[in-house]
C-alpha atoms as a PDB file:
ATOM      1  CA  MET A   1     171.401 347.849 -57.491  1.00  0.00           C
ATOM      2  CA  SER A   2     168.082 346.260 -58.332  1.00  0.00           C
ATOM      3  CA  ASN A   3     165.830 344.831 -55.737  1.00  0.00           C
ATOM      4  CA  THR A   4     166.502 341.346 -57.037  1.00  0.00           C
ATOM      5  CA  THR A   5     170.282 341.761 -56.766  1.00  0.00           C
ATOM      6  CA  GLN A   6     169.981 343.189 -53.293  1.00  0.00           C
ATOM      7  CA  GLU A   7     167.782 340.340 -52.230  1.00  0.00           C
ATOM      8  CA  ARG A   8     170.295 337.745 -53.534  1.00  0.00           C
ATOM      9  CA  THR A   9     173.150 339.496 -51.751  1.00  0.00           C
ATOM     10  CA  THR A  10     171.252 339.603 -48.499  1.00  0.00           C
ATOM     11  CA  THR A  11     170.303 335.957 -48.809  1.00  0.00           C
ATOM     12  CA  HIS A  12     173.938 334.946 -49.521  1.00  0.00           C
ATOM     13  CA  HIS A  13     175.114 336.946 -46.565  1.00  0.00           C
ATOM     14  CA  ARG A  14     172.599 335.275 -44.268  1.00  0.00           C
ATOM     15  CA  ARG A  15     173.574 331.789 -45.491  1.00  0.00           C
ATOM     16  CA  SER A  16     177.344 332.392 -45.139  1.00  0.00           C
ATOM     17  CA  THR A  17     177.184 333.917 -41.672  1.00  0.00           C
ATOM     18  CA  PRO A  18     176.656 330.557 -39.827  1.00  0.00           C
ATOM     19  CA  VAL A  19     179.487 328.983 -41.772  1.00  0.00           C
ATOM     20  CA  VAL A  20     181.869 331.764 -40.804  1.00  0.00           C
ATOM     21  CA  VAL A  21     180.825 331.541 -37.188  1.00  0.00           C
ATOM     22  CA  LEU A  22     181.261 327.765 -37.156  1.00  0.00           C
ATOM     23  CA  ALA A  23     184.731 327.979 -38.724  1.00  0.00           C
ATOM     24  CA  ALA A  24     185.756 330.563 -36.202  1.00  0.00           C
ATOM     25  CA  ALA A  25     184.540 328.374 -33.357  1.00  0.00           C
ATOM     26  CA  ILE A  26     186.476 325.379 -34.625  1.00  0.00           C
ATOM     27  CA  ALA A  27     189.629 327.459 -34.992  1.00  0.00           C
ATOM     28  CA  ALA A  28     189.243 328.697 -31.465  1.00  0.00           C
ATOM     29  CA  ILE A  29     188.887 325.151 -30.098  1.00  0.00           C
ATOM     30  CA  VAL A  30     191.929 323.868 -32.016  1.00  0.00           C
ATOM     31  CA  GLY A  31     193.951 326.829 -30.853  1.00  0.00           C
ATOM     32  CA  ALA A  32     193.006 326.182 -27.256  1.00  0.00           C
ATOM     33  CA  ILE A  33     193.988 322.530 -27.502  1.00  0.00           C
ATOM     34  CA  LEU A  34     197.379 323.352 -29.095  1.00  0.00           C
ATOM     35  CA  GLY A  35     198.013 325.983 -26.519  1.00  0.00           C
ATOM     36  CA  TYR A  36     197.275 323.620 -23.653  1.00  0.00           C
ATOM     37  CA  GLN A  37     199.658 320.989 -25.104  1.00  0.00           C
ATOM     38  CA  ALA A  38     202.374 323.557 -25.496  1.00  0.00           C
ATOM     39  CA  VAL A  39     202.014 324.620 -21.852  1.00  0.00           C
ATOM     40  CA  THR A  40     201.820 321.121 -20.337  1.00  0.00           C
ATOM     41  CA  ALA A  41     204.377 319.244 -22.488  1.00  0.00           C
ATOM     42  CA  PRO A  42     207.841 318.953 -20.829  1.00  0.00           C
ATOM     43  CA  SER A  43     210.737 320.396 -22.738  1.00  0.00           C
ATOM     44  CA  SER A  44     213.402 318.073 -24.118  1.00  0.00           C
ATOM     45  CA  SER A  45     215.975 319.441 -21.723  1.00  0.00           C
ATOM     46  CA  THR A  46     213.913 318.759 -18.562  1.00  0.00           C
ATOM     47  CA  ALA A  47     211.900 315.700 -19.427  1.00  0.00           C
ATOM     48  CA  SER A  48     212.589 312.627 -17.307  1.00  0.00           C
ATOM     49  CA  PRO A  49     212.797 309.197 -18.914  1.00  0.00           C
ATOM     50  CA  LEU A  50     209.724 307.071 -18.550  1.00  0.00           C
ATOM     51  CA  VAL A  51     209.732 304.528 -15.746  1.00  0.00           C
ATOM     52  CA  ALA A  52     208.570 301.098 -16.838  1.00  0.00           C
ATOM     53  CA  LEU A  53     205.554 299.652 -15.103  1.00  0.00           C
ATOM     54  CA  GLY A  54     206.610 297.789 -12.006  1.00  0.00           C
ATOM     55  CA  ASP A  55     209.874 299.755 -11.616  1.00  0.00           C
ATOM     56  CA  THR A  56     210.306 301.640  -8.385  1.00  0.00           C
ATOM     57  CA  PRO A  57     212.713 304.584  -8.501  1.00  0.00           C
ATOM     58  CA  GLY A  58     215.264 304.547  -5.750  1.00  0.00           C
ATOM     59  CA  PRO A  59     218.811 303.460  -4.940  1.00  0.00           C
ATOM     60  CA  HIS A  60     219.949 300.198  -6.437  1.00  0.00           C
ATOM     61  CA  PRO A  61     220.863 297.398  -3.974  1.00  0.00           C
ATOM     62  CA  PRO A  62     224.529 296.489  -3.896  1.00  0.00           C
ATOM     63  CA  GLU A  63     225.481 293.652  -6.208  1.00  0.00           C
ATOM     64  CA  ALA A  64     225.812 290.348  -4.439  1.00  0.00           C
ATOM     65  CA  ARG A  65     229.248 288.784  -4.727  1.00  0.00           C
ATOM     66  CA  SER A  66     229.119 285.730  -6.927  1.00  0.00           C
ATOM     67  CA  THR A  67     230.916 282.634  -5.662  1.00  0.00           C
ATOM     68  CA  VAL A  68     230.441 280.441  -8.723  1.00  0.00           C
ATOM     69  CA  PRO A  69     233.787 279.239 -10.039  1.00  0.00           C
ATOM     70  CA  ASP A  70     233.705 280.881 -13.469  1.00  0.00           C
ATOM     71  CA  ALA A  71     233.059 284.304 -11.809  1.00  0.00           C
ATOM     72  CA  HIS A  72     236.633 284.260 -10.498  1.00  0.00           C
ATOM     73  CA  GLY A  73     240.023 284.233 -12.139  1.00  0.00           C
ATOM     74  CA  PRO A  74     243.368 283.056 -10.876  1.00  0.00           C
ATOM     75  CA  PRO A  75     245.118 285.327  -8.384  1.00  0.00           C
ATOM     76  CA  GLY A  76     248.007 287.147  -9.935  1.00  0.00           C
ATOM     77  CA  ALA A  77     246.781 286.712 -13.501  1.00  0.00           C
ATOM     78  CA  PRO A  78     248.276 289.023 -16.177  1.00  0.00           C
ATOM     79  CA  GLY A  79     246.577 292.379 -16.340  1.00  0.00           C
ATOM     80  CA  ARG A  80     246.001 292.754 -12.609  1.00  0.00           C
ATOM     81  CA  ALA A  81     247.636 295.649 -10.786  1.00  0.00           C
ATOM     82  CA  VAL A  82     250.947 294.687  -9.192  1.00  0.00           C
ATOM     83  CA  PRO A  83     251.896 296.383  -5.897  1.00  0.00           C
ATOM     84  CA  GLY A  84     255.110 298.371  -5.867  1.00  0.00           C
ATOM     85  CA  GLY A  85     258.260 296.383  -5.306  1.00  0.00           C
ATOM     86  CA  LEU A  86     256.986 293.101  -6.812  1.00  0.00           C
ATOM     87  CA  THR A  87     258.442 292.111 -10.185  1.00  0.00           C
ATOM     88  CA  VAL A  88     258.765 289.174 -12.491  1.00  0.00           C
ATOM     89  CA  ASP A  89     261.485 287.905 -10.143  1.00  0.00           C
ATOM     90  CA  ASP A  90     258.707 287.366  -7.541  1.00  0.00           C
ATOM     91  CA  GLY A  91     256.591 285.395 -10.054  1.00  0.00           C
ATOM     92  CA  VAL A  92     254.618 288.260 -11.621  1.00  0.00           C
ATOM     93  CA  VAL A  93     253.621 286.967 -15.070  1.00  0.00           C
ATOM     94  CA  PRO A  94     253.635 289.207 -18.156  1.00  0.00           C
ATOM     95  CA  ALA A  95     250.851 288.718 -20.669  1.00  0.00           C
ATOM     96  CA  GLY A  96     251.257 285.961 -23.226  1.00  0.00           C
ATOM     97  CA  VAL A  97     253.706 283.760 -21.314  1.00  0.00           C
ATOM     98  CA  THR A  98     253.696 280.035 -22.237  1.00  0.00           C
ATOM     99  CA  VAL A  99     255.024 276.916 -20.578  1.00  0.00           C
ATOM    100  CA  PHE A 100     258.085 277.179 -22.890  1.00  0.00           C
ATOM    101  CA  ASP A 101     259.286 280.569 -21.604  1.00  0.00           C
ATOM    102  CA  ASP A 102     262.355 279.602 -19.569  1.00  0.00           C
ATOM    103  CA  GLY A 103     263.304 283.231 -19.108  1.00  0.00           C
ATOM    104  CA  VAL A 104     260.291 283.916 -16.874  1.00  0.00           C
ATOM    105  CA  PRO A 105     260.827 282.833 -13.230  1.00  0.00           C
ATOM    106  CA  ALA A 106     257.144 281.913 -12.790  1.00  0.00           C
ATOM    107  CA  VAL A 107     257.774 279.188 -15.408  1.00  0.00           C
ATOM    108  CA  ALA A 108     261.449 278.375 -14.830  1.00  0.00           C
ATOM    109  CA  ASN A 109     260.977 277.847 -11.064  1.00  0.00           C
ATOM    110  CA  LEU A 110     258.226 275.285 -11.460  1.00  0.00           C
ATOM    111  CA  ASP A 111     258.931 271.732 -10.353  1.00  0.00           C
ATOM    112  CA  PRO A 112     260.912 270.148 -13.213  1.00  0.00           C
ATOM    113  CA  ALA A 113     258.602 267.096 -13.432  1.00  0.00           C
ATOM    114  CA  LEU A 114     255.506 269.337 -13.556  1.00  0.00           C
ATOM    115  CA  LEU A 115     257.052 271.554 -16.205  1.00  0.00           C
ATOM    116  CA  ALA A 116     258.059 268.602 -18.323  1.00  0.00           C
ATOM    117  CA  ALA A 117     254.506 267.212 -18.215  1.00  0.00           C
ATOM    118  CA  LEU A 118     253.076 270.606 -19.074  1.00  0.00           C
ATOM    119  CA  ARG A 119     255.336 270.982 -22.089  1.00  0.00           C
ATOM    120  CA  GLN A 120     254.549 267.489 -23.350  1.00  0.00           C
ATOM    121  CA  ALA A 121     250.823 268.117 -23.050  1.00  0.00           C
ATOM    122  CA  ALA A 122     251.174 271.581 -24.645  1.00  0.00           C
ATOM    123  CA  ARG A 123     252.872 270.160 -27.730  1.00  0.00           C
ATOM    124  CA  THR A 124     250.045 267.703 -28.227  1.00  0.00           C
ATOM    125  CA  ALA A 125     247.414 270.357 -27.615  1.00  0.00           C
ATOM    126  CA  GLU A 126     249.038 272.579 -30.266  1.00  0.00           C
ATOM    127  CA  ASP A 127     248.282 269.856 -32.811  1.00  0.00           C
ATOM    128  CA  ASP A 128     244.616 270.332 -31.854  1.00  0.00           C
ATOM    129  CA  GLY A 129     244.893 274.119 -32.255  1.00  0.00           C
ATOM    130  CA  VAL A 130     245.012 274.767 -28.525  1.00  0.00           C
ATOM    131  CA  ARG A 131     247.683 276.948 -26.904  1.00  0.00           C
ATOM    132  CA  PHE A 132     248.541 276.950 -23.211  1.00  0.00           C
ATOM    133  CA  THR A 133     249.275 280.253 -21.464  1.00  0.00           C
ATOM    134  CA  VAL A 134     250.555 280.615 -17.947  1.00  0.00           C
ATOM    135  CA  ASN A 135     248.429 282.942 -15.832  1.00  0.00           C
ATOM    136  CA  SER A 136     250.403 282.233 -12.707  1.00  0.00           C
ATOM    137  CA  GLY A 137     253.116 279.725 -11.781  1.00  0.00           C
ATOM    138  CA  TRP A 138     255.806 279.830  -9.166  1.00  0.00           C
ATOM    139  CA  ARG A 139     255.488 282.761  -6.702  1.00  0.00           C
ATOM    140  CA  SER A 140     257.783 284.154  -4.057  1.00  0.00           C
ATOM    141  CA  PRO A 141     256.442 284.059  -0.459  1.00  0.00           C
ATOM    142  CA  GLU A 142     256.178 287.884  -0.595  1.00  0.00           C
ATOM    143  CA  TYR A 143     254.024 287.763  -3.678  1.00  0.00           C
ATOM    144  CA  GLN A 144     251.816 285.046  -2.211  1.00  0.00           C
ATOM    145  CA  GLU A 145     251.404 287.089   0.996  1.00  0.00           C
ATOM    146  CA  GLU A 146     250.370 290.133  -1.025  1.00  0.00           C
ATOM    147  CA  LEU A 147     247.825 288.110  -2.999  1.00  0.00           C
ATOM    148  CA  LEU A 148     246.415 286.786   0.252  1.00  0.00           C
ATOM    149  CA  ARG A 149     246.039 290.319   1.649  1.00  0.00           C
ATOM    150  CA  GLU A 150     244.277 291.405  -1.536  1.00  0.00           C
ATOM    151  CA  ALA A 151     241.904 288.425  -1.324  1.00  0.00           C
ATOM    152  CA  ILE A 152     240.999 289.214   2.288  1.00  0.00           C
ATOM    153  CA  ALA A 153     240.222 292.780   1.336  1.00  0.00           C
ATOM    154  CA  GLU A 154     238.212 291.651  -1.682  1.00  0.00           C
ATOM    155  CA  TYR A 155     236.161 288.905  -0.019  1.00  0.00           C
ATOM    156  CA  GLY A 156     235.763 290.525   3.354  1.00  0.00           C
ATOM    157  CA  SER A 157     237.235 287.791   5.566  1.00  0.00           C
ATOM    158  CA  ALA A 158     240.197 285.474   5.876  1.00  0.00           C
ATOM    159  CA  GLU A 159     237.842 282.479   5.829  1.00  0.00           C
ATOM    160  CA  GLU A 160     236.352 283.318   2.433  1.00  0.00           C
ATOM    161  CA  ALA A 161     239.718 284.383   1.022  1.00  0.00           C
ATOM    162  CA  ALA A 162     241.144 280.942   1.990  1.00  0.00           C
ATOM    163  CA  ARG A 163     238.821 279.350  -0.554  1.00  0.00           C
ATOM    164  CA  TRP A 164     240.857 281.055  -3.300  1.00  0.00           C
ATOM    165  CA  VAL A 165     244.314 281.939  -1.989  1.00  0.00           C
ATOM    166  CA  SER A 166     246.505 279.878   0.327  1.00  0.00           C
ATOM    167  CA  THR A 167     249.058 281.161   2.802  1.00  0.00           C
ATOM    168  CA  PRO A 168     252.720 281.336   1.744  1.00  0.00           C
ATOM    169  CA  ASP A 169     253.428 278.347   4.015  1.00  0.00           C
ATOM    170  CA  THR A 170     250.872 276.086   2.291  1.00  0.00           C
ATOM    171  CA  SER A 171     250.664 277.368  -1.283  1.00  0.00           C
ATOM    172  CA  THR A 172     251.739 274.981  -4.036  1.00  0.00           C
ATOM    173  CA  HIS A 173     252.652 278.063  -6.083  1.00  0.00           C
ATOM    174  CA  VAL A 174     255.421 278.928  -3.599  1.00  0.00           C
ATOM    175  CA  THR A 175     256.859 275.441  -3.837  1.00  0.00           C
ATOM    176  CA  GLY A 176     256.503 275.407  -7.622  1.00  0.00           C
ATOM    177  CA  ASP A 177     254.032 272.507  -7.563  1.00  0.00           C
ATOM    178  CA  GLY A 178     250.994 274.388  -8.889  1.00  0.00           C
ATOM    179  CA  VAL A 179     250.242 276.334 -12.048  1.00  0.00           C
ATOM    180  CA  ASP A 180     247.267 278.364 -13.239  1.00  0.00           C
ATOM    181  CA  LEU A 181     246.625 277.961 -16.940  1.00  0.00           C
ATOM    182  CA  GLY A 182     244.441 279.538 -19.611  1.00  0.00           C
ATOM    183  CA  PRO A 183     242.582 280.267 -21.750  1.00  0.00           C
ATOM    184  CA  ALA A 184     239.324 278.277 -21.353  1.00  0.00           C
ATOM    185  CA  GLU A 185     240.150 276.198 -24.414  1.00  0.00           C
ATOM    186  CA  ALA A 186     243.326 275.014 -22.746  1.00  0.00           C
ATOM    187  CA  THR A 187     241.651 274.049 -19.477  1.00  0.00           C
ATOM    188  CA  ASP A 188     238.847 272.332 -21.431  1.00  0.00           C
ATOM    189  CA  TRP A 189     241.482 270.346 -23.295  1.00  0.00           C
ATOM    190  CA  LEU A 190     243.250 269.398 -20.060  1.00  0.00           C
ATOM    191  CA  SER A 191     240.027 268.338 -18.382  1.00  0.00           C
ATOM    192  CA  GLU A 192     239.699 265.747 -21.142  1.00  0.00           C
ATOM    193  CA  HIS A 193     243.328 264.788 -21.772  1.00  0.00           C
ATOM    194  CA  GLY A 194     245.328 266.021 -18.783  1.00  0.00           C
ATOM    195  CA  ALA A 195     245.217 262.772 -16.819  1.00  0.00           C
ATOM    196  CA  GLY A 196     247.163 261.063 -19.588  1.00  0.00           C
ATOM    197  CA  TYR A 197     250.098 263.369 -18.741  1.00  0.00           C
ATOM    198  CA  GLY A 198     249.571 263.238 -14.963  1.00  0.00           C
ATOM    199  CA  LEU A 199     248.085 266.746 -14.973  1.00  0.00           C
ATOM    200  CA  CYS A 200     245.050 267.112 -12.739  1.00  0.00           C
ATOM    201  CA  GLN A 201     242.619 269.825 -11.643  1.00  0.00           C
ATOM    202  CA  ILE A 202     242.772 269.770  -7.864  1.00  0.00           C
ATOM    203  CA  TYR A 203     239.948 272.088  -6.760  1.00  0.00           C
ATOM    204  CA  ARG A 204     236.434 272.186  -8.181  1.00  0.00           C
ATOM    205  CA  ASN A 205     236.253 275.962  -7.789  1.00  0.00           C
ATOM    206  CA  GLU A 206     239.539 276.531  -9.646  1.00  0.00           C
ATOM    207  CA  PRO A 207     239.321 275.013 -13.153  1.00  0.00           C
ATOM    208  CA  TRP A 208     242.564 276.803 -14.056  1.00  0.00           C
ATOM    209  CA  HIS A 209     244.748 275.272 -11.277  1.00  0.00           C
ATOM    210  CA  TYR A 210     246.710 272.138 -12.185  1.00  0.00           C
ATOM    211  CA  GLU A 211     249.212 269.989 -10.359  1.00  0.00           C
ATOM    212  CA  LEU A 212     251.169 266.864 -11.195  1.00  0.00           C
ATOM    213  CA  ARG A 213     249.719 263.513 -10.153  1.00  0.00           C
ATOM    214  CA  PRO A 214     251.838 260.829 -11.879  1.00  0.00           C
ATOM    215  CA  GLN A 215     249.533 258.022 -10.803  1.00  0.00           C
ATOM    216  CA  ALA A 216     246.754 259.642 -12.871  1.00  0.00           C
ATOM    217  CA  ILE A 217     248.394 258.315 -16.045  1.00  0.00           C
ATOM    218  CA  ASP A 218     247.277 254.813 -15.108  1.00  0.00           C
ATOM    219  CA  HIS A 219     244.462 255.382 -12.640  1.00  0.00           C
ATOM    220  CA  GLY A 220     242.957 258.738 -13.536  1.00  0.00           C
ATOM    221  CA  CYS A 221     242.936 261.934 -11.514  1.00  0.00           C
ATOM    222  CA  PRO A 222     241.945 261.750  -7.849  1.00  0.00           C
ATOM    223  CA  ARG A 223     238.680 263.215  -6.663  1.00  0.00           C
ATOM    224  CA  MET A 224     238.779 266.995  -6.535  1.00  0.00           C
ATOM    225  CA  TYR A 225     238.477 269.003  -3.326  1.00  0.00           C
ATOM    226  CA  ALA A 226     235.646 271.520  -3.281  1.00  0.00           C
ATOM    227  CA  ASP A 227     238.169 274.299  -2.670  1.00  0.00           C
ATOM    228  CA  PRO A 228     241.582 274.691  -0.970  1.00  0.00           C
ATOM    229  CA  THR A 229     240.091 274.780   2.537  1.00  0.00           C
ATOM    230  CA  HIS A 230     239.201 271.069   2.141  1.00  0.00           C
ATOM    231  CA  ASP A 231     242.762 270.139   1.173  1.00  0.00           C
ATOM    232  CA  PRO A 232     244.696 268.637   4.159  1.00  0.00           C
ATOM    233  CA  ARG A 233     247.839 270.330   2.931  1.00  0.00           C
ATOM    234  CA  THR A 234     246.377 273.768   3.686  1.00  0.00           C
ATOM    235  CA  GLN A 235     245.608 272.782   7.290  1.00  0.00           C
ATOM    236  CA  GLN A 236     249.266 272.668   8.347  1.00  0.00           C
END
């Protein structure tokens, strides 16, 4: 090798050495960063979901019981569990029953004048595309007593339960003078047209409960009670 060639090689080696050292340093830094992330990052199987700012982990408070009317449904409505021994003969209503189902005691045992008014209104409502279904009608005293027991257990006291379920001695369902109707389209229709048939909502907290008030045809429905505990008939 000539002196010139050796000199060039030496010069090239001197120039490349800092570059190699710098590259090695960068690689070491990157490797250290990646290694730290691998160690500190939680695995997918153990990672906890992020908690939003302002959230405090801990047990959730129990849900408050709502007492607004539309949070409740009629006692004994189709789909609810029926205690053993109670049948349709006690007023239990199968799903899809209408005011025209004479074979169902909950309908057949209603006061004849009330049932006639319901059927007249239902025929007119059908022309408007609205169908009445019976959620609960006539009930035996045993069925009413069972519904009252369930309400006391659900609401925590006899006083609160009385706002929704009457005793067998005072219930208009037991006498056949009260009916619970659905769906919402039907009760909306009745709230507008029911008075013309003598059909009136009696309690503000029960938009599904209707009774016959013949005088309403000429004078409109009477003022509603806030709930059954304000009805003098339930104070007997």
